[in-house]
Amino acid sequence: MKKICFLCFCFLLTVNVNAQEIVNLVLVGDKGVTENIKEAHSFIVVKKYPGSYQRLDYKISAPLERLRSYSDSTLEVLQGNYYEYASDGKITQSGGYQNNLKEDDWYYYNDTGKVILEEKYVNGVLIKTINPDTIKKEERAGAIQAVEKEATFGKGDRDWIKYLSKNLNADLAINSVNGGEVRVMFVVNKEGKCVDVHLKKSVEFILDEEVIRIIEKSPQWQPAIQNGRIVNAYRVQPITFTKQ
């Protein structure tokens, strides 16, 4: 993948994201890779994480289209999370790869975010398909166990809202096209850390990155408790950027 270092540097300064984790940014036009932003209709961002890489495909000033995870810097071996999004930014499917093969659970969503199909893969082979609507209510109720104590931040929701309000750079909406609601899902793990942060609804790169940043840098939470044991817990957080 061709590197455009100067453009990458300038663009990252403009959007004010964490440059230490972004290793490449490529502009794409009708004729392929371009160095002229006026010719570009989309761009690719490559992020480096400990032991892995992510490729994010965006249209200019539009929602995320696809996120792929890789184990190598040449982005040849799919390994880890995979997400796709509709043109309005809503998630349409999620799953994971291992050595370029689909693995474990894959989910497909309708435009309300509801799971409409589940697939189970082993070494790239589809072994089970589930339509959630066909599961009997009794079976669904038996699979869902009540959490005795939800994961909490500080003294509760008020402290969490205070943290978001204090640390969110809401002025980024000024540089966005339309603003809008970014929605992320994340896990509060057994150590009280926010991990596996991913978009449920994308708006555009500059706003998506800000929401992911503020969730990932969150101070310690109190983890959830179920059946007397500390467990991982999912949370969904919407944040709306208003265009002034």
C-alpha atoms as a PDB file:
ATOM      1  CA  MET A   1       0.000   0.000   0.000  1.00  0.00           C
ATOM      2  CA  LYS A   2       1.420   3.354  -1.049  1.00  0.00           C
ATOM      3  CA  LYS A   3       2.221   5.748   1.777  1.00  0.00           C
ATOM      4  CA  ILE A   4       1.411   9.437   1.550  1.00  0.00           C
ATOM      5  CA  CYS A   5       3.355  10.709   4.525  1.00  0.00           C
ATOM      6  CA  PHE A   6       2.954  14.458   3.986  1.00  0.00           C
ATOM      7  CA  LEU A   7      -0.776  14.241   3.372  1.00  0.00           C
ATOM      8  CA  CYS A   8      -1.132  11.895   6.309  1.00  0.00           C
ATOM      9  CA  PHE A   9       0.679  14.321   8.616  1.00  0.00           C
ATOM     10  CA  CYS A  10      -1.393  17.324   7.558  1.00  0.00           C
ATOM     11  CA  PHE A  11      -4.680  15.455   7.689  1.00  0.00           C
ATOM     12  CA  LEU A  12      -4.024  14.074  11.152  1.00  0.00           C
ATOM     13  CA  LEU A  13      -3.204  17.516  12.459  1.00  0.00           C
ATOM     14  CA  THR A  14      -6.495  18.739  11.039  1.00  0.00           C
ATOM     15  CA  VAL A  15      -8.651  16.041  12.620  1.00  0.00           C
ATOM     16  CA  ASN A  16      -6.700  16.015  15.882  1.00  0.00           C
ATOM     17  CA  VAL A  17      -6.503  12.248  16.391  1.00  0.00           C
ATOM     18  CA  ASN A  18      -3.820  10.191  18.067  1.00  0.00           C
ATOM     19  CA  ALA A  19      -1.099  10.115  15.382  1.00  0.00           C
ATOM     20  CA  GLN A  20       0.961   7.542  17.267  1.00  0.00           C
ATOM     21  CA  GLU A  21      -1.407   4.727  16.340  1.00  0.00           C
ATOM     22  CA  ILE A  22      -2.033   5.716  12.707  1.00  0.00           C
ATOM     23  CA  VAL A  23       0.691   4.423  10.400  1.00  0.00           C
ATOM     24  CA  ASN A  24      -0.757   5.214   6.981  1.00  0.00           C
ATOM     25  CA  LEU A  25      -3.451   7.204   5.217  1.00  0.00           C
ATOM     26  CA  VAL A  26      -4.176   6.804   1.515  1.00  0.00           C
ATOM     27  CA  LEU A  27      -6.461   8.972  -0.604  1.00  0.00           C
ATOM     28  CA  VAL A  28      -8.397   7.180  -3.341  1.00  0.00           C
ATOM     29  CA  GLY A  29      -9.944   8.728  -6.452  1.00  0.00           C
ATOM     30  CA  ASP A  30     -11.601   7.447  -9.615  1.00  0.00           C
ATOM     31  CA  LYS A  31      -8.211   6.434 -11.035  1.00  0.00           C
ATOM     32  CA  GLY A  32      -6.928   4.845  -7.831  1.00  0.00           C
ATOM     33  CA  VAL A  33      -4.480   6.241  -5.275  1.00  0.00           C
ATOM     34  CA  THR A  34      -4.047  10.002  -5.527  1.00  0.00           C
ATOM     35  CA  GLU A  35      -2.134  12.733  -3.718  1.00  0.00           C
ATOM     36  CA  ASN A  36      -4.714  15.358  -4.657  1.00  0.00           C
ATOM     37  CA  ILE A  37      -7.431  15.578  -2.025  1.00  0.00           C
ATOM     38  CA  LYS A  38      -9.714  17.341  -4.525  1.00  0.00           C
ATOM     39  CA  GLU A  39      -9.686  14.196  -6.672  1.00  0.00           C
ATOM     40  CA  ALA A  40     -10.335  11.841  -3.753  1.00  0.00           C
ATOM     41  CA  HIS A  41     -13.753  10.343  -3.064  1.00  0.00           C
ATOM     42  CA  SER A  42     -12.580   8.055  -0.265  1.00  0.00           C
ATOM     43  CA  PHE A  43      -9.617   7.275   1.949  1.00  0.00           C
ATOM     44  CA  ILE A  44      -8.044   4.366   3.809  1.00  0.00           C
ATOM     45  CA  VAL A  45      -6.645   4.632   7.327  1.00  0.00           C
ATOM     46  CA  VAL A  46      -4.297   2.008   8.768  1.00  0.00           C
ATOM     47  CA  LYS A  47      -3.924   1.790  12.531  1.00  0.00           C
ATOM     48  CA  LYS A  48      -1.306  -0.143  14.425  1.00  0.00           C
ATOM     49  CA  TYR A  49      -2.116  -1.858  17.703  1.00  0.00           C
ATOM     50  CA  PRO A  50       0.089  -4.156  19.800  1.00  0.00           C
ATOM     51  CA  GLY A  51       0.346  -7.285  17.666  1.00  0.00           C
ATOM     52  CA  SER A  52      -2.257  -6.267  15.087  1.00  0.00           C
ATOM     53  CA  TYR A  53      -3.366  -3.730  12.474  1.00  0.00           C
ATOM     54  CA  GLN A  54      -6.697  -2.301  11.376  1.00  0.00           C
ATOM     55  CA  ARG A  55      -7.764  -0.976   7.994  1.00  0.00           C
ATOM     56  CA  LEU A  56     -10.660   1.500   7.922  1.00  0.00           C
ATOM     57  CA  ASP A  57     -12.357   2.435   4.634  1.00  0.00           C
ATOM     58  CA  TYR A  58     -14.207   5.766   4.578  1.00  0.00           C
ATOM     59  CA  LYS A  59     -15.876   7.918   1.960  1.00  0.00           C
ATOM     60  CA  ILE A  60     -14.828  11.569   2.226  1.00  0.00           C
ATOM     61  CA  SER A  61     -17.003  13.298   4.865  1.00  0.00           C
ATOM     62  CA  ALA A  62     -19.174  10.205   5.191  1.00  0.00           C
ATOM     63  CA  PRO A  63     -19.598   7.188   7.501  1.00  0.00           C
ATOM     64  CA  LEU A  64     -17.260   4.237   7.797  1.00  0.00           C
ATOM     65  CA  GLU A  65     -17.824   1.551   5.166  1.00  0.00           C
ATOM     66  CA  ARG A  66     -15.696  -1.307   6.460  1.00  0.00           C
ATOM     67  CA  LEU A  67     -13.198  -2.166   9.203  1.00  0.00           C
ATOM     68  CA  ARG A  68     -10.847  -5.115   8.843  1.00  0.00           C
ATOM     69  CA  SER A  69      -8.246  -6.468  11.270  1.00  0.00           C
ATOM     70  CA  TYR A  70      -4.928  -8.033  10.269  1.00  0.00           C
ATOM     71  CA  SER A  71      -2.034  -9.756  11.981  1.00  0.00           C
ATOM     72  CA  ASP A  72       0.612  -8.338   9.629  1.00  0.00           C
ATOM     73  CA  SER A  73       1.786  -4.902   8.490  1.00  0.00           C
ATOM     74  CA  THR A  74       1.255  -5.789   4.812  1.00  0.00           C
ATOM     75  CA  LEU A  75      -2.458  -6.342   5.502  1.00  0.00           C
ATOM     76  CA  GLU A  76      -2.568  -9.773   3.916  1.00  0.00           C
ATOM     77  CA  VAL A  77      -3.687 -11.984   6.819  1.00  0.00           C
ATOM     78  CA  LEU A  78      -7.144 -11.218   8.170  1.00  0.00           C
ATOM     79  CA  GLN A  79      -7.089 -11.806  11.908  1.00  0.00           C
ATOM     80  CA  GLY A  80      -9.596 -10.422  14.394  1.00  0.00           C
ATOM     81  CA  ASN A  81     -12.666  -8.227  14.185  1.00  0.00           C
ATOM     82  CA  TYR A  82     -14.509  -7.359  10.982  1.00  0.00           C
ATOM     83  CA  TYR A  83     -17.354  -4.830  10.599  1.00  0.00           C
ATOM     84  CA  GLU A  84     -19.424  -3.511   7.689  1.00  0.00           C
ATOM     85  CA  TYR A  85     -21.716  -0.474   7.613  1.00  0.00           C
ATOM     86  CA  ALA A  86     -24.547   0.833   5.446  1.00  0.00           C
ATOM     87  CA  SER A  87     -24.395   4.203   3.684  1.00  0.00           C
ATOM     88  CA  ASP A  88     -26.192   5.806   6.655  1.00  0.00           C
ATOM     89  CA  GLY A  89     -23.467   4.564   9.018  1.00  0.00           C
ATOM     90  CA  LYS A  90     -25.460   1.806  10.715  1.00  0.00           C
ATOM     91  CA  ILE A  91     -23.741  -1.518  11.267  1.00  0.00           C
ATOM     92  CA  THR A  92     -24.871  -4.312   8.925  1.00  0.00           C
ATOM     93  CA  GLN A  93     -22.604  -7.200   9.912  1.00  0.00           C
ATOM     94  CA  SER A  94     -19.880  -8.131  12.372  1.00  0.00           C
ATOM     95  CA  GLY A  95     -17.660 -11.124  12.860  1.00  0.00           C
ATOM     96  CA  GLY A  96     -14.093 -12.283  13.077  1.00  0.00           C
ATOM     97  CA  TYR A  97     -11.318 -13.937  11.098  1.00  0.00           C
ATOM     98  CA  GLN A  98      -8.491 -16.279  11.963  1.00  0.00           C
ATOM     99  CA  ASN A  99      -5.764 -16.755   9.360  1.00  0.00           C
ATOM    100  CA  ASN A 100      -8.013 -15.399   6.583  1.00  0.00           C
ATOM    101  CA  LEU A 101     -10.868 -17.739   7.512  1.00  0.00           C
ATOM    102  CA  LYS A 102     -14.171 -16.789   9.117  1.00  0.00           C
ATOM    103  CA  GLU A 103     -14.244 -17.952  12.726  1.00  0.00           C
ATOM    104  CA  ASP A 104     -16.774 -18.114  15.582  1.00  0.00           C
ATOM    105  CA  ASP A 105     -19.919 -15.971  15.582  1.00  0.00           C
ATOM    106  CA  TRP A 106     -21.035 -13.658  12.774  1.00  0.00           C
ATOM    107  CA  TYR A 107     -24.019 -11.343  13.165  1.00  0.00           C
ATOM    108  CA  TYR A 108     -26.186  -9.572  10.587  1.00  0.00           C
ATOM    109  CA  TYR A 109     -28.318  -6.548  11.524  1.00  0.00           C
ATOM    110  CA  ASN A 110     -31.360  -4.734  10.178  1.00  0.00           C
ATOM    111  CA  ASP A 111     -31.600  -0.931  10.006  1.00  0.00           C
ATOM    112  CA  THR A 112     -32.725  -0.720  13.647  1.00  0.00           C
ATOM    113  CA  GLY A 113     -29.612  -2.545  14.865  1.00  0.00           C
ATOM    114  CA  LYS A 114     -31.483  -5.759  15.642  1.00  0.00           C
ATOM    115  CA  VAL A 115     -29.704  -9.041  14.913  1.00  0.00           C
ATOM    116  CA  ILE A 116     -31.661 -10.820  12.179  1.00  0.00           C
ATOM    117  CA  LEU A 117     -29.246 -13.678  11.487  1.00  0.00           C
ATOM    118  CA  GLU A 118     -26.436 -15.442  13.336  1.00  0.00           C
ATOM    119  CA  GLU A 119     -23.826 -17.724  11.803  1.00  0.00           C
ATOM    120  CA  LYS A 120     -21.252 -19.958  13.456  1.00  0.00           C
ATOM    121  CA  TYR A 121     -17.976 -20.756  11.663  1.00  0.00           C
ATOM    122  CA  VAL A 122     -15.122 -23.136  12.415  1.00  0.00           C
ATOM    123  CA  ASN A 123     -11.994 -22.835  10.244  1.00  0.00           C
ATOM    124  CA  GLY A 124     -13.980 -20.975   7.600  1.00  0.00           C
ATOM    125  CA  VAL A 125     -16.747 -23.569   7.442  1.00  0.00           C
ATOM    126  CA  LEU A 126     -20.311 -22.538   8.252  1.00  0.00           C
ATOM    127  CA  ILE A 127     -21.592 -25.067  10.778  1.00  0.00           C
ATOM    128  CA  LYS A 128     -24.723 -23.390  12.103  1.00  0.00           C
ATOM    129  CA  THR A 129     -27.229 -20.698  11.126  1.00  0.00           C
ATOM    130  CA  ILE A 130     -29.680 -19.199  13.598  1.00  0.00           C
ATOM    131  CA  ASN A 131     -32.665 -16.953  12.965  1.00  0.00           C
ATOM    132  CA  PRO A 132     -33.221 -15.226  16.340  1.00  0.00           C
ATOM    133  CA  ASP A 133     -36.928 -14.765  15.588  1.00  0.00           C
ATOM    134  CA  THR A 134     -37.440 -18.529  15.466  1.00  0.00           C
ATOM    135  CA  ILE A 135     -36.002 -19.147  18.938  1.00  0.00           C
ATOM    136  CA  LYS A 136     -38.730 -19.914  21.432  1.00  0.00           C
ATOM    137  CA  LYS A 137     -39.282 -17.342  24.147  1.00  0.00           C
ATOM    138  CA  GLU A 138     -38.545 -19.969  26.795  1.00  0.00           C
ATOM    139  CA  GLU A 139     -35.164 -20.774  25.251  1.00  0.00           C
ATOM    140  CA  ARG A 140     -34.306 -17.098  24.858  1.00  0.00           C
ATOM    141  CA  ALA A 141     -35.230 -16.358  28.471  1.00  0.00           C
ATOM    142  CA  GLY A 142     -33.137 -19.280  29.668  1.00  0.00           C
ATOM    143  CA  ALA A 143     -30.105 -18.020  27.763  1.00  0.00           C
ATOM    144  CA  ILE A 144     -30.315 -14.539  29.289  1.00  0.00           C
ATOM    145  CA  GLN A 145     -29.248 -14.300  32.896  1.00  0.00           C
ATOM    146  CA  ALA A 146     -29.960 -11.236  34.967  1.00  0.00           C
ATOM    147  CA  VAL A 147     -26.942  -9.227  36.069  1.00  0.00           C
ATOM    148  CA  GLU A 148     -26.941  -8.713  39.819  1.00  0.00           C
ATOM    149  CA  LYS A 149     -24.908  -5.519  39.568  1.00  0.00           C
ATOM    150  CA  GLU A 150     -24.332  -3.549  36.380  1.00  0.00           C
ATOM    151  CA  ALA A 151     -20.905  -2.166  35.541  1.00  0.00           C
ATOM    152  CA  THR A 152     -20.724   1.365  36.948  1.00  0.00           C
ATOM    153  CA  PHE A 153     -18.488   4.387  36.553  1.00  0.00           C
ATOM    154  CA  GLY A 154     -17.738   6.290  39.740  1.00  0.00           C
ATOM    155  CA  LYS A 155     -20.984   6.772  41.634  1.00  0.00           C
ATOM    156  CA  GLY A 156     -23.163   6.078  38.608  1.00  0.00           C
ATOM    157  CA  ASP A 157     -24.498   7.520  35.357  1.00  0.00           C
ATOM    158  CA  ARG A 158     -24.155  11.118  36.515  1.00  0.00           C
ATOM    159  CA  ASP A 159     -20.389  10.713  36.964  1.00  0.00           C
ATOM    160  CA  TRP A 160     -20.113   9.031  33.564  1.00  0.00           C
ATOM    161  CA  ILE A 161     -21.970  11.885  31.850  1.00  0.00           C
ATOM    162  CA  LYS A 162     -19.754  14.371  33.677  1.00  0.00           C
ATOM    163  CA  TYR A 163     -16.644  12.558  32.418  1.00  0.00           C
ATOM    164  CA  LEU A 164     -17.909  12.555  28.826  1.00  0.00           C
ATOM    165  CA  SER A 165     -18.912  16.223  28.943  1.00  0.00           C
ATOM    166  CA  LYS A 166     -15.568  17.301  30.392  1.00  0.00           C
ATOM    167  CA  ASN A 167     -13.336  15.336  28.021  1.00  0.00           C
ATOM    168  CA  LEU A 168     -15.239  15.297  24.729  1.00  0.00           C
ATOM    169  CA  ASN A 169     -14.042  17.769  22.113  1.00  0.00           C
ATOM    170  CA  ALA A 170     -17.480  18.854  20.901  1.00  0.00           C
ATOM    171  CA  ASP A 171     -15.914  21.600  18.754  1.00  0.00           C
ATOM    172  CA  LEU A 172     -14.929  18.934  16.227  1.00  0.00           C
ATOM    173  CA  ALA A 173     -18.480  19.175  14.907  1.00  0.00           C
ATOM    174  CA  ILE A 174     -17.479  22.535  13.417  1.00  0.00           C
ATOM    175  CA  ASN A 175     -15.141  20.725  11.011  1.00  0.00           C
ATOM    176  CA  SER A 176     -17.643  17.994  10.188  1.00  0.00           C
ATOM    177  CA  VAL A 177     -20.120  18.102   7.320  1.00  0.00           C
ATOM    178  CA  ASN A 178     -23.386  17.509   9.139  1.00  0.00           C
ATOM    179  CA  GLY A 179     -22.647  16.334  12.664  1.00  0.00           C
ATOM    180  CA  GLY A 180     -24.905  13.614  14.027  1.00  0.00           C
ATOM    181  CA  GLU A 181     -25.029  10.720  16.460  1.00  0.00           C
ATOM    182  CA  VAL A 182     -22.075   8.376  16.836  1.00  0.00           C
ATOM    183  CA  ARG A 183     -22.967   5.179  18.677  1.00  0.00           C
ATOM    184  CA  VAL A 184     -20.371   2.786  20.069  1.00  0.00           C
ATOM    185  CA  MET A 185     -20.478  -0.526  21.876  1.00  0.00           C
ATOM    186  CA  PHE A 186     -17.762  -1.511  24.321  1.00  0.00           C
ATOM    187  CA  VAL A 187     -16.998  -4.065  27.001  1.00  0.00           C
ATOM    188  CA  VAL A 188     -16.244  -3.249  30.616  1.00  0.00           C
ATOM    189  CA  ASN A 189     -13.999  -6.202  31.390  1.00  0.00           C
ATOM    190  CA  LYS A 190     -13.353  -7.950  34.684  1.00  0.00           C
ATOM    191  CA  GLU A 191     -10.555  -5.488  35.471  1.00  0.00           C
ATOM    192  CA  GLY A 192     -12.896  -2.520  34.971  1.00  0.00           C
ATOM    193  CA  LYS A 193     -11.272  -1.392  31.714  1.00  0.00           C
ATOM    194  CA  CYS A 194     -13.140  -0.369  28.548  1.00  0.00           C
ATOM    195  CA  VAL A 195     -12.090  -2.708  25.740  1.00  0.00           C
ATOM    196  CA  ASP A 196     -13.340  -3.900  22.337  1.00  0.00           C
ATOM    197  CA  VAL A 197     -14.676  -0.439  21.494  1.00  0.00           C
ATOM    198  CA  HIS A 198     -16.390  -0.483  18.104  1.00  0.00           C
ATOM    199  CA  LEU A 199     -18.907   1.556  16.161  1.00  0.00           C
ATOM    200  CA  LYS A 200     -22.573   0.640  16.061  1.00  0.00           C
ATOM    201  CA  LYS A 201     -23.284   3.785  14.044  1.00  0.00           C
ATOM    202  CA  SER A 202     -20.677   5.866  12.244  1.00  0.00           C
ATOM    203  CA  VAL A 203     -20.965   9.507  11.152  1.00  0.00           C
ATOM    204  CA  GLU A 204     -17.557  10.405   9.748  1.00  0.00           C
ATOM    205  CA  PHE A 205     -13.930   9.782  10.630  1.00  0.00           C
ATOM    206  CA  ILE A 206     -13.238  12.893  12.697  1.00  0.00           C
ATOM    207  CA  LEU A 207     -16.251  12.325  14.981  1.00  0.00           C
ATOM    208  CA  ASP A 208     -15.967   8.538  15.143  1.00  0.00           C
ATOM    209  CA  GLU A 209     -12.358   8.798  16.292  1.00  0.00           C
ATOM    210  CA  GLU A 210     -13.195  11.285  19.024  1.00  0.00           C
ATOM    211  CA  VAL A 211     -15.864   9.036  20.537  1.00  0.00           C
ATOM    212  CA  ILE A 212     -13.620   5.959  20.385  1.00  0.00           C
ATOM    213  CA  ARG A 213     -10.779   7.972  21.948  1.00  0.00           C
ATOM    214  CA  ILE A 214     -12.809   9.175  24.906  1.00  0.00           C
ATOM    215  CA  ILE A 215     -14.183   5.691  25.642  1.00  0.00           C
ATOM    216  CA  GLU A 216     -10.790   3.990  25.356  1.00  0.00           C
ATOM    217  CA  LYS A 217      -9.130   6.489  27.720  1.00  0.00           C
ATOM    218  CA  SER A 218     -11.885   6.139  30.326  1.00  0.00           C
ATOM    219  CA  PRO A 219     -10.710   5.729  33.930  1.00  0.00           C
ATOM    220  CA  GLN A 220     -11.451   2.550  35.856  1.00  0.00           C
ATOM    221  CA  TRP A 221     -15.004   1.208  36.110  1.00  0.00           C
ATOM    222  CA  GLN A 222     -16.494  -1.096  38.712  1.00  0.00           C
ATOM    223  CA  PRO A 223     -17.122  -4.355  36.807  1.00  0.00           C
ATOM    224  CA  ALA A 224     -20.481  -6.115  36.632  1.00  0.00           C
ATOM    225  CA  ILE A 225     -21.380  -8.990  38.944  1.00  0.00           C
ATOM    226  CA  GLN A 226     -23.437 -12.020  37.945  1.00  0.00           C
ATOM    227  CA  ASN A 227     -24.158 -15.023  40.161  1.00  0.00           C
ATOM    228  CA  GLY A 228     -21.722 -13.610  42.687  1.00  0.00           C
ATOM    229  CA  ARG A 229     -18.862 -13.489  40.169  1.00  0.00           C
ATOM    230  CA  ILE A 230     -17.213 -10.581  38.355  1.00  0.00           C
ATOM    231  CA  VAL A 231     -18.054 -10.729  34.634  1.00  0.00           C
ATOM    232  CA  ASN A 232     -17.533  -8.779  31.423  1.00  0.00           C
ATOM    233  CA  ALA A 233     -20.418  -6.454  30.533  1.00  0.00           C
ATOM    234  CA  TYR A 234     -21.466  -4.770  27.284  1.00  0.00           C
ATOM    235  CA  ARG A 235     -22.400  -1.099  27.144  1.00  0.00           C
ATOM    236  CA  VAL A 236     -23.733   1.053  24.301  1.00  0.00           C
ATOM    237  CA  GLN A 237     -22.993   4.781  24.318  1.00  0.00           C
ATOM    238  CA  PRO A 238     -24.540   7.298  21.888  1.00  0.00           C
ATOM    239  CA  ILE A 239     -22.937  10.733  21.563  1.00  0.00           C
ATOM    240  CA  THR A 240     -24.471  13.465  19.418  1.00  0.00           C
ATOM    241  CA  PHE A 241     -22.411  16.189  17.753  1.00  0.00           C
ATOM    242  CA  THR A 242     -24.463  19.257  16.867  1.00  0.00           C
ATOM    243  CA  LYS A 243     -23.400  21.235  13.830  1.00  0.00           C
ATOM    244  CA  GLN A 244     -23.391  24.928  14.773  1.00  0.00           C
END
